[in-house]
Amino acid sequence: MTLVASYRFGASEVLAARLDSGDEAVREATARLSLGERQRTARFASERDRRRFVVARSWLRQLIGERLDLRPEAVELVYAERGKPALAPAQAESGLRFNVSHCDDLAVYAFARGREIGVDVEALRALPDADDVAARFFSPREYDAYRSLEPRLRPLAFFNCWTRKEAFIKALGDGLYYPLTRFDVSLAPDDPARILCVGTTPGERCGWCIESFSPAAGFVAAVVYAKARETVHRRSYMPLKRCA
């Protein structure tokens, strides 16, 4: 794995890395994985995807180990009800929270202490059905903002919105079980990344911070982390009414 960028956003630490590696590096990475992770690699239909998973998971263990003074093999990972990875209870006492996202051969790792965090990365590309996807998954406010842009600006705006929304629900740990239309984010290329509102709660009072960045040419990413040092509880941010 080759590190290509690192960032400090407030309480969060973010690193980006390329995953394509030689055979020897993949063998060494495989040795760091748990039995369950090795069994999972056998389910990949694509050899390229298998190798990238091995390297991505191995380096997640390496990076966590560096922050907890543990060997990568000693890192114990568990999964929440919705599939978000976390440290096992004994190691979770460290307060370290993390999240990872990868697209093609690029992985982005995010870390924070004492607060939940989520990250997402996507390759910029033309999607023939982007307008239909936006109509289905963006909030009405986001969709109006998206449609108001010149066509040449919409691809970046689409992925700005998508990565920001994905990072937010990954921080919550709810995956797509949390309705994407229940919160609004900024998306215009010239606008800073912001959570505009969560339900009826204005973004500046929702308890979350958001940052957007480009970890490598042709990629866009976002990280979301809780403002408070305590874990942010999902139910506090699931009001019944959406933003006006």
C-alpha atoms as a PDB file:
ATOM      1  CA  MET A   1       0.000   0.000   0.000  1.00  0.00           C
ATOM      2  CA  THR A   2       1.208   3.505  -0.820  1.00  0.00           C
ATOM      3  CA  LEU A   3       0.019   6.465   1.222  1.00  0.00           C
ATOM      4  CA  VAL A   4      -0.906   9.338  -1.079  1.00  0.00           C
ATOM      5  CA  ALA A   5      -2.422  11.939   1.274  1.00  0.00           C
ATOM      6  CA  SER A   6      -3.119  12.677   4.929  1.00  0.00           C
ATOM      7  CA  TYR A   7      -5.358  15.279   6.551  1.00  0.00           C
ATOM      8  CA  ARG A   8      -6.341  16.697   9.919  1.00  0.00           C
ATOM      9  CA  PHE A   9      -9.921  17.945  10.042  1.00  0.00           C
ATOM     10  CA  GLY A  10     -10.687  19.146  13.552  1.00  0.00           C
ATOM     11  CA  ALA A  11     -10.960  16.030  15.696  1.00  0.00           C
ATOM     12  CA  SER A  12     -10.465  13.645  12.788  1.00  0.00           C
ATOM     13  CA  GLU A  13      -7.417  12.139  11.101  1.00  0.00           C
ATOM     14  CA  VAL A  14      -7.773  10.955   7.504  1.00  0.00           C
ATOM     15  CA  LEU A  15      -5.335   8.994   5.336  1.00  0.00           C
ATOM     16  CA  ALA A  16      -5.639   7.968   1.688  1.00  0.00           C
ATOM     17  CA  ALA A  17      -3.728   5.087   0.130  1.00  0.00           C
ATOM     18  CA  ARG A  18      -3.419   3.154  -3.113  1.00  0.00           C
ATOM     19  CA  LEU A  19      -4.275  -0.526  -2.787  1.00  0.00           C
ATOM     20  CA  ASP A  20      -2.645  -2.137  -5.814  1.00  0.00           C
ATOM     21  CA  SER A  21       0.267  -4.227  -4.517  1.00  0.00           C
ATOM     22  CA  GLY A  22       2.616  -6.953  -5.668  1.00  0.00           C
ATOM     23  CA  ASP A  23       2.266 -10.642  -4.860  1.00  0.00           C
ATOM     24  CA  GLU A  24       4.663 -10.579  -1.898  1.00  0.00           C
ATOM     25  CA  ALA A  25       2.898  -7.604  -0.320  1.00  0.00           C
ATOM     26  CA  VAL A  26      -0.479  -9.344  -0.717  1.00  0.00           C
ATOM     27  CA  ARG A  27       0.897 -12.501   0.963  1.00  0.00           C
ATOM     28  CA  GLU A  28       2.216 -10.448   3.873  1.00  0.00           C
ATOM     29  CA  ALA A  29      -1.096  -8.598   4.126  1.00  0.00           C
ATOM     30  CA  THR A  30      -3.041 -11.880   4.163  1.00  0.00           C
ATOM     31  CA  ALA A  31      -1.005 -13.064   7.155  1.00  0.00           C
ATOM     32  CA  ARG A  32      -2.310 -10.113   9.202  1.00  0.00           C
ATOM     33  CA  LEU A  33      -5.969 -10.989   8.671  1.00  0.00           C
ATOM     34  CA  SER A  34      -8.233 -12.893  11.023  1.00  0.00           C
ATOM     35  CA  LEU A  35      -9.605 -16.313  10.100  1.00  0.00           C
ATOM     36  CA  GLY A  36     -12.991 -14.767   9.310  1.00  0.00           C
ATOM     37  CA  GLU A  37     -11.407 -12.185   7.028  1.00  0.00           C
ATOM     38  CA  ARG A  38      -9.431 -14.847   5.186  1.00  0.00           C
ATOM     39  CA  GLN A  39     -12.602 -16.864   4.686  1.00  0.00           C
ATOM     40  CA  ARG A  40     -14.310 -13.771   3.333  1.00  0.00           C
ATOM     41  CA  THR A  41     -11.617 -13.326   0.676  1.00  0.00           C
ATOM     42  CA  ALA A  42     -12.641 -16.647  -0.864  1.00  0.00           C
ATOM     43  CA  ARG A  43     -16.051 -15.204  -1.737  1.00  0.00           C
ATOM     44  CA  PHE A  44     -14.693 -12.561  -4.111  1.00  0.00           C
ATOM     45  CA  ALA A  45     -15.364 -13.421  -7.745  1.00  0.00           C
ATOM     46  CA  SER A  46     -12.677 -11.010  -8.978  1.00  0.00           C
ATOM     47  CA  GLU A  47      -9.023 -11.625  -8.139  1.00  0.00           C
ATOM     48  CA  ARG A  48      -8.384  -7.876  -8.314  1.00  0.00           C
ATOM     49  CA  ASP A  49     -11.159  -7.167  -5.806  1.00  0.00           C
ATOM     50  CA  ARG A  50      -9.872  -9.928  -3.523  1.00  0.00           C
ATOM     51  CA  ARG A  51      -6.361  -8.485  -3.504  1.00  0.00           C
ATOM     52  CA  ARG A  52      -7.642  -4.991  -2.835  1.00  0.00           C
ATOM     53  CA  PHE A  53      -9.780  -6.203   0.070  1.00  0.00           C
ATOM     54  CA  VAL A  54      -6.816  -8.044   1.576  1.00  0.00           C
ATOM     55  CA  VAL A  55      -4.553  -5.000   1.360  1.00  0.00           C
ATOM     56  CA  ALA A  56      -7.245  -2.572   2.550  1.00  0.00           C
ATOM     57  CA  ARG A  57      -8.150  -4.687   5.593  1.00  0.00           C
ATOM     58  CA  SER A  58      -4.532  -5.434   6.427  1.00  0.00           C
ATOM     59  CA  TRP A  59      -3.662  -1.747   6.442  1.00  0.00           C
ATOM     60  CA  LEU A  60      -6.703  -0.935   8.523  1.00  0.00           C
ATOM     61  CA  ARG A  61      -5.322  -3.310  11.113  1.00  0.00           C
ATOM     62  CA  GLN A  62      -1.860  -1.790  10.733  1.00  0.00           C
ATOM     63  CA  LEU A  63      -3.133   1.762  11.201  1.00  0.00           C
ATOM     64  CA  ILE A  64      -5.282   0.846  14.201  1.00  0.00           C
ATOM     65  CA  GLY A  65      -2.375  -1.064  15.705  1.00  0.00           C
ATOM     66  CA  GLU A  66      -0.089   1.955  15.379  1.00  0.00           C
ATOM     67  CA  ARG A  67      -2.610   4.070  17.293  1.00  0.00           C
ATOM     68  CA  LEU A  68      -3.144   1.499  20.043  1.00  0.00           C
ATOM     69  CA  ASP A  69       0.408   0.120  20.234  1.00  0.00           C
ATOM     70  CA  LEU A  70      -0.767  -3.316  19.092  1.00  0.00           C
ATOM     71  CA  ARG A  71       0.382  -5.777  16.463  1.00  0.00           C
ATOM     72  CA  PRO A  72      -1.995  -5.769  13.471  1.00  0.00           C
ATOM     73  CA  GLU A  73      -2.939  -9.397  14.161  1.00  0.00           C
ATOM     74  CA  ALA A  74      -3.916  -8.476  17.730  1.00  0.00           C
ATOM     75  CA  VAL A  75      -6.534  -5.930  16.640  1.00  0.00           C
ATOM     76  CA  GLU A  76     -10.001  -7.351  17.354  1.00  0.00           C
ATOM     77  CA  LEU A  77     -12.807  -6.142  15.100  1.00  0.00           C
ATOM     78  CA  VAL A  78     -16.531  -6.580  15.608  1.00  0.00           C
ATOM     79  CA  TYR A  79     -19.519  -5.427  13.594  1.00  0.00           C
ATOM     80  CA  ALA A  80     -22.533  -3.427  14.694  1.00  0.00           C
ATOM     81  CA  GLU A  81     -26.074  -4.503  13.868  1.00  0.00           C
ATOM     82  CA  ARG A  82     -25.987  -2.572  10.576  1.00  0.00           C
ATOM     83  CA  GLY A  83     -22.498  -3.821   9.658  1.00  0.00           C
ATOM     84  CA  LYS A  84     -20.290  -0.918  10.767  1.00  0.00           C
ATOM     85  CA  PRO A  85     -16.896  -2.242  11.934  1.00  0.00           C
ATOM     86  CA  ALA A  86     -15.629  -1.284  15.387  1.00  0.00           C
ATOM     87  CA  LEU A  87     -13.099  -2.404  17.959  1.00  0.00           C
ATOM     88  CA  ALA A  88     -14.016  -5.254  20.294  1.00  0.00           C
ATOM     89  CA  PRO A  89     -15.165  -4.077  23.757  1.00  0.00           C
ATOM     90  CA  ALA A  90     -11.799  -4.422  25.514  1.00  0.00           C
ATOM     91  CA  GLN A  91      -9.983  -2.388  22.845  1.00  0.00           C
ATOM     92  CA  ALA A  92     -12.885   0.032  22.399  1.00  0.00           C
ATOM     93  CA  GLU A  93     -12.085   1.390  25.863  1.00  0.00           C
ATOM     94  CA  SER A  94      -9.284   3.297  24.108  1.00  0.00           C
ATOM     95  CA  GLY A  95     -11.952   5.580  22.654  1.00  0.00           C
ATOM     96  CA  LEU A  96     -10.615   5.098  19.122  1.00  0.00           C
ATOM     97  CA  ARG A  97     -13.290   5.177  16.435  1.00  0.00           C
ATOM     98  CA  PHE A  98     -12.618   4.538  12.758  1.00  0.00           C
ATOM     99  CA  ASN A  99     -14.192   4.119   9.361  1.00  0.00           C
ATOM    100  CA  VAL A 100     -12.918   3.131   5.918  1.00  0.00           C
ATOM    101  CA  SER A 101     -14.100   3.495   2.340  1.00  0.00           C
ATOM    102  CA  HIS A 102     -12.551   2.382  -0.921  1.00  0.00           C
ATOM    103  CA  CYS A 103     -13.253   2.873  -4.599  1.00  0.00           C
ATOM    104  CA  ASP A 104     -11.224   1.288  -7.387  1.00  0.00           C
ATOM    105  CA  ASP A 105      -7.640   1.156  -6.079  1.00  0.00           C
ATOM    106  CA  LEU A 106      -8.005   4.009  -3.564  1.00  0.00           C
ATOM    107  CA  ALA A 107      -8.837   3.564   0.134  1.00  0.00           C
ATOM    108  CA  VAL A 108      -9.564   6.306   2.648  1.00  0.00           C
ATOM    109  CA  TYR A 109      -9.228   5.692   6.405  1.00  0.00           C
ATOM    110  CA  ALA A 110     -10.671   8.004   9.065  1.00  0.00           C
ATOM    111  CA  PHE A 111      -9.938   8.000  12.813  1.00  0.00           C
ATOM    112  CA  ALA A 112     -11.210   9.954  15.819  1.00  0.00           C
ATOM    113  CA  ARG A 113     -11.057   9.620  19.595  1.00  0.00           C
ATOM    114  CA  GLY A 114     -14.207   9.505  21.668  1.00  0.00           C
ATOM    115  CA  ARG A 115     -16.603  10.322  18.858  1.00  0.00           C
ATOM    116  CA  GLU A 116     -18.247   8.535  15.950  1.00  0.00           C
ATOM    117  CA  ILE A 117     -16.890   9.051  12.441  1.00  0.00           C
ATOM    118  CA  GLY A 118     -17.767   8.115   8.875  1.00  0.00           C
ATOM    119  CA  VAL A 119     -15.984   8.498   5.533  1.00  0.00           C
ATOM    120  CA  ASP A 120     -16.816   7.887   1.883  1.00  0.00           C
ATOM    121  CA  VAL A 121     -14.869   8.171  -1.377  1.00  0.00           C
ATOM    122  CA  GLU A 122     -16.025   7.953  -4.994  1.00  0.00           C
ATOM    123  CA  ALA A 123     -14.381   8.202  -8.405  1.00  0.00           C
ATOM    124  CA  LEU A 124     -15.683  11.095 -10.484  1.00  0.00           C
ATOM    125  CA  ARG A 125     -17.360   9.669 -13.565  1.00  0.00           C
ATOM    126  CA  ALA A 126     -20.323  10.225 -15.832  1.00  0.00           C
ATOM    127  CA  LEU A 127     -23.418   8.308 -14.742  1.00  0.00           C
ATOM    128  CA  PRO A 128     -26.104   8.008 -17.423  1.00  0.00           C
ATOM    129  CA  ASP A 129     -28.805   7.733 -14.748  1.00  0.00           C
ATOM    130  CA  ALA A 130     -27.416  10.391 -12.384  1.00  0.00           C
ATOM    131  CA  ASP A 131     -30.514  12.584 -12.656  1.00  0.00           C
ATOM    132  CA  ASP A 132     -32.791   9.641 -11.854  1.00  0.00           C
ATOM    133  CA  VAL A 133     -30.645   8.597  -8.886  1.00  0.00           C
ATOM    134  CA  ALA A 134     -30.652  12.172  -7.595  1.00  0.00           C
ATOM    135  CA  ALA A 135     -34.428  12.371  -7.922  1.00  0.00           C
ATOM    136  CA  ARG A 136     -34.805   9.167  -5.927  1.00  0.00           C
ATOM    137  CA  PHE A 137     -32.204   9.561  -3.180  1.00  0.00           C
ATOM    138  CA  PHE A 138     -31.526  13.281  -2.735  1.00  0.00           C
ATOM    139  CA  SER A 139     -33.792  15.326  -0.515  1.00  0.00           C
ATOM    140  CA  PRO A 140     -36.159  17.755  -2.326  1.00  0.00           C
ATOM    141  CA  ARG A 141     -33.912  20.651  -1.304  1.00  0.00           C
ATOM    142  CA  GLU A 142     -30.792  18.901  -2.602  1.00  0.00           C
ATOM    143  CA  TYR A 143     -32.466  17.857  -5.823  1.00  0.00           C
ATOM    144  CA  ASP A 144     -33.613  21.428  -6.507  1.00  0.00           C
ATOM    145  CA  ALA A 145     -30.051  22.663  -5.916  1.00  0.00           C
ATOM    146  CA  TYR A 146     -28.671  19.943  -8.192  1.00  0.00           C
ATOM    147  CA  ARG A 147     -31.095  20.678 -11.040  1.00  0.00           C
ATOM    148  CA  SER A 148     -30.409  24.419 -10.811  1.00  0.00           C
ATOM    149  CA  LEU A 149     -26.747  23.908 -11.753  1.00  0.00           C
ATOM    150  CA  GLU A 150     -25.355  24.032 -15.261  1.00  0.00           C
ATOM    151  CA  PRO A 151     -25.102  20.509 -16.743  1.00  0.00           C
ATOM    152  CA  ARG A 152     -21.281  20.650 -16.746  1.00  0.00           C
ATOM    153  CA  LEU A 153     -21.274  21.152 -12.946  1.00  0.00           C
ATOM    154  CA  ARG A 154     -23.707  18.395 -12.099  1.00  0.00           C
ATOM    155  CA  PRO A 155     -21.298  15.395 -12.084  1.00  0.00           C
ATOM    156  CA  LEU A 156     -19.152  16.935  -9.326  1.00  0.00           C
ATOM    157  CA  ALA A 157     -22.235  18.170  -7.478  1.00  0.00           C
ATOM    158  CA  PHE A 158     -23.733  14.670  -7.650  1.00  0.00           C
ATOM    159  CA  PHE A 159     -20.688  13.045  -6.042  1.00  0.00           C
ATOM    160  CA  ASN A 160     -20.286  15.884  -3.549  1.00  0.00           C
ATOM    161  CA  CYS A 161     -23.797  15.139  -2.364  1.00  0.00           C
ATOM    162  CA  TRP A 162     -23.444  11.367  -2.490  1.00  0.00           C
ATOM    163  CA  THR A 163     -20.182  11.160  -0.527  1.00  0.00           C
ATOM    164  CA  ARG A 164     -21.405  13.638   2.099  1.00  0.00           C
ATOM    165  CA  LYS A 165     -24.628  11.726   2.640  1.00  0.00           C
ATOM    166  CA  GLU A 166     -22.831   8.361   2.727  1.00  0.00           C
ATOM    167  CA  ALA A 167     -20.238   9.654   5.215  1.00  0.00           C
ATOM    168  CA  PHE A 168     -23.037  10.929   7.462  1.00  0.00           C
ATOM    169  CA  ILE A 169     -25.012   7.682   7.565  1.00  0.00           C
ATOM    170  CA  LYS A 170     -21.782   5.716   8.043  1.00  0.00           C
ATOM    171  CA  ALA A 171     -20.978   7.906  11.047  1.00  0.00           C
ATOM    172  CA  LEU A 172     -24.439   7.080  12.390  1.00  0.00           C
ATOM    173  CA  GLY A 173     -23.801   3.395  11.716  1.00  0.00           C
ATOM    174  CA  ASP A 174     -27.194   2.906  10.086  1.00  0.00           C
ATOM    175  CA  GLY A 175     -26.209   2.294   6.467  1.00  0.00           C
ATOM    176  CA  LEU A 176     -29.085   2.790   4.067  1.00  0.00           C
ATOM    177  CA  TYR A 177     -31.552   2.082   6.881  1.00  0.00           C
ATOM    178  CA  TYR A 178     -31.376   5.808   7.653  1.00  0.00           C
ATOM    179  CA  PRO A 179     -33.475   7.671   5.049  1.00  0.00           C
ATOM    180  CA  LEU A 180     -31.237   9.740   2.777  1.00  0.00           C
ATOM    181  CA  THR A 181     -34.017  12.296   2.342  1.00  0.00           C
ATOM    182  CA  ARG A 182     -34.163  13.004   6.087  1.00  0.00           C
ATOM    183  CA  PHE A 183     -31.190  15.379   6.046  1.00  0.00           C
ATOM    184  CA  ASP A 184     -29.769  17.975   3.657  1.00  0.00           C
ATOM    185  CA  VAL A 185     -26.161  18.703   2.673  1.00  0.00           C
ATOM    186  CA  SER A 186     -24.610  21.316   0.424  1.00  0.00           C
ATOM    187  CA  LEU A 187     -23.455  20.106  -2.997  1.00  0.00           C
ATOM    188  CA  ALA A 188     -22.619  22.987  -5.361  1.00  0.00           C
ATOM    189  CA  PRO A 189     -18.938  22.825  -6.420  1.00  0.00           C
ATOM    190  CA  ASP A 190     -18.228  26.356  -5.194  1.00  0.00           C
ATOM    191  CA  ASP A 191     -19.967  25.937  -1.823  1.00  0.00           C
ATOM    192  CA  PRO A 192     -18.181  24.645   1.300  1.00  0.00           C
ATOM    193  CA  ALA A 193     -19.271  21.285   2.650  1.00  0.00           C
ATOM    194  CA  ARG A 194     -22.087  21.745   5.162  1.00  0.00           C
ATOM    195  CA  ILE A 195     -24.827  19.748   6.793  1.00  0.00           C
ATOM    196  CA  LEU A 196     -27.753  22.087   6.226  1.00  0.00           C
ATOM    197  CA  CYS A 197     -30.187  20.334   8.526  1.00  0.00           C
ATOM    198  CA  VAL A 198     -31.035  16.982  10.065  1.00  0.00           C
ATOM    199  CA  GLY A 199     -34.776  16.659  10.190  1.00  0.00           C
ATOM    200  CA  THR A 200     -35.966  19.953  11.681  1.00  0.00           C
ATOM    201  CA  THR A 201     -32.625  20.633  13.397  1.00  0.00           C
ATOM    202  CA  PRO A 202     -30.443  23.279  11.689  1.00  0.00           C
ATOM    203  CA  GLY A 203     -27.064  21.991  10.603  1.00  0.00           C
ATOM    204  CA  GLU A 204     -25.089  24.177  12.996  1.00  0.00           C
ATOM    205  CA  ARG A 205     -26.938  22.569  15.918  1.00  0.00           C
ATOM    206  CA  CYS A 206     -27.103  18.965  14.673  1.00  0.00           C
ATOM    207  CA  GLY A 207     -23.977  17.817  16.536  1.00  0.00           C
ATOM    208  CA  TRP A 208     -21.904  16.829  13.492  1.00  0.00           C
ATOM    209  CA  CYS A 209     -18.995  18.283  11.513  1.00  0.00           C
ATOM    210  CA  ILE A 210     -18.426  17.599   7.807  1.00  0.00           C
ATOM    211  CA  GLU A 211     -15.466  18.106   5.487  1.00  0.00           C
ATOM    212  CA  SER A 212     -15.059  17.419   1.774  1.00  0.00           C
ATOM    213  CA  PHE A 213     -11.734  16.787   0.017  1.00  0.00           C
ATOM    214  CA  SER A 214     -10.111  15.236  -3.046  1.00  0.00           C
ATOM    215  CA  PRO A 215      -7.676  12.517  -1.858  1.00  0.00           C
ATOM    216  CA  ALA A 216      -6.346  11.929  -5.391  1.00  0.00           C
ATOM    217  CA  ALA A 217      -6.944  13.244  -8.887  1.00  0.00           C
ATOM    218  CA  GLY A 218     -10.356  12.142 -10.121  1.00  0.00           C
ATOM    219  CA  PHE A 219     -11.748  11.296  -6.673  1.00  0.00           C
ATOM    220  CA  VAL A 220     -13.983  13.138  -4.221  1.00  0.00           C
ATOM    221  CA  ALA A 221     -14.461  12.215  -0.560  1.00  0.00           C
ATOM    222  CA  ALA A 222     -16.138  13.397   2.628  1.00  0.00           C
ATOM    223  CA  VAL A 223     -15.682  12.771   6.338  1.00  0.00           C
ATOM    224  CA  VAL A 224     -18.272  13.353   9.075  1.00  0.00           C
ATOM    225  CA  TYR A 225     -17.542  13.229  12.811  1.00  0.00           C
ATOM    226  CA  ALA A 226     -19.430  14.084  15.978  1.00  0.00           C
ATOM    227  CA  LYS A 227     -18.715  17.426  17.617  1.00  0.00           C
ATOM    228  CA  ALA A 228     -19.074  16.198  21.193  1.00  0.00           C
ATOM    229  CA  ARG A 229     -16.647  13.736  22.719  1.00  0.00           C
ATOM    230  CA  GLU A 230     -19.564  11.536  23.739  1.00  0.00           C
ATOM    231  CA  THR A 231     -21.073   9.144  21.224  1.00  0.00           C
ATOM    232  CA  VAL A 232     -23.906  10.797  19.305  1.00  0.00           C
ATOM    233  CA  HIS A 233     -27.041   8.706  19.624  1.00  0.00           C
ATOM    234  CA  ARG A 234     -28.954   8.106  16.426  1.00  0.00           C
ATOM    235  CA  ARG A 235     -32.399   8.565  17.931  1.00  0.00           C
ATOM    236  CA  SER A 236     -31.625  12.194  18.738  1.00  0.00           C
ATOM    237  CA  TYR A 237     -31.323  12.849  15.021  1.00  0.00           C
ATOM    238  CA  MET A 238     -34.300  11.032  13.578  1.00  0.00           C
ATOM    239  CA  PRO A 239     -37.219  13.504  13.862  1.00  0.00           C
ATOM    240  CA  LEU A 240     -40.345  12.719  11.914  1.00  0.00           C
ATOM    241  CA  LYS A 241     -40.480  15.919   9.915  1.00  0.00           C
ATOM    242  CA  ARG A 242     -37.995  16.728   7.206  1.00  0.00           C
ATOM    243  CA  CYS A 243     -36.462  20.164   6.541  1.00  0.00           C
ATOM    244  CA  ALA A 244     -38.539  22.813   4.879  1.00  0.00           C
END
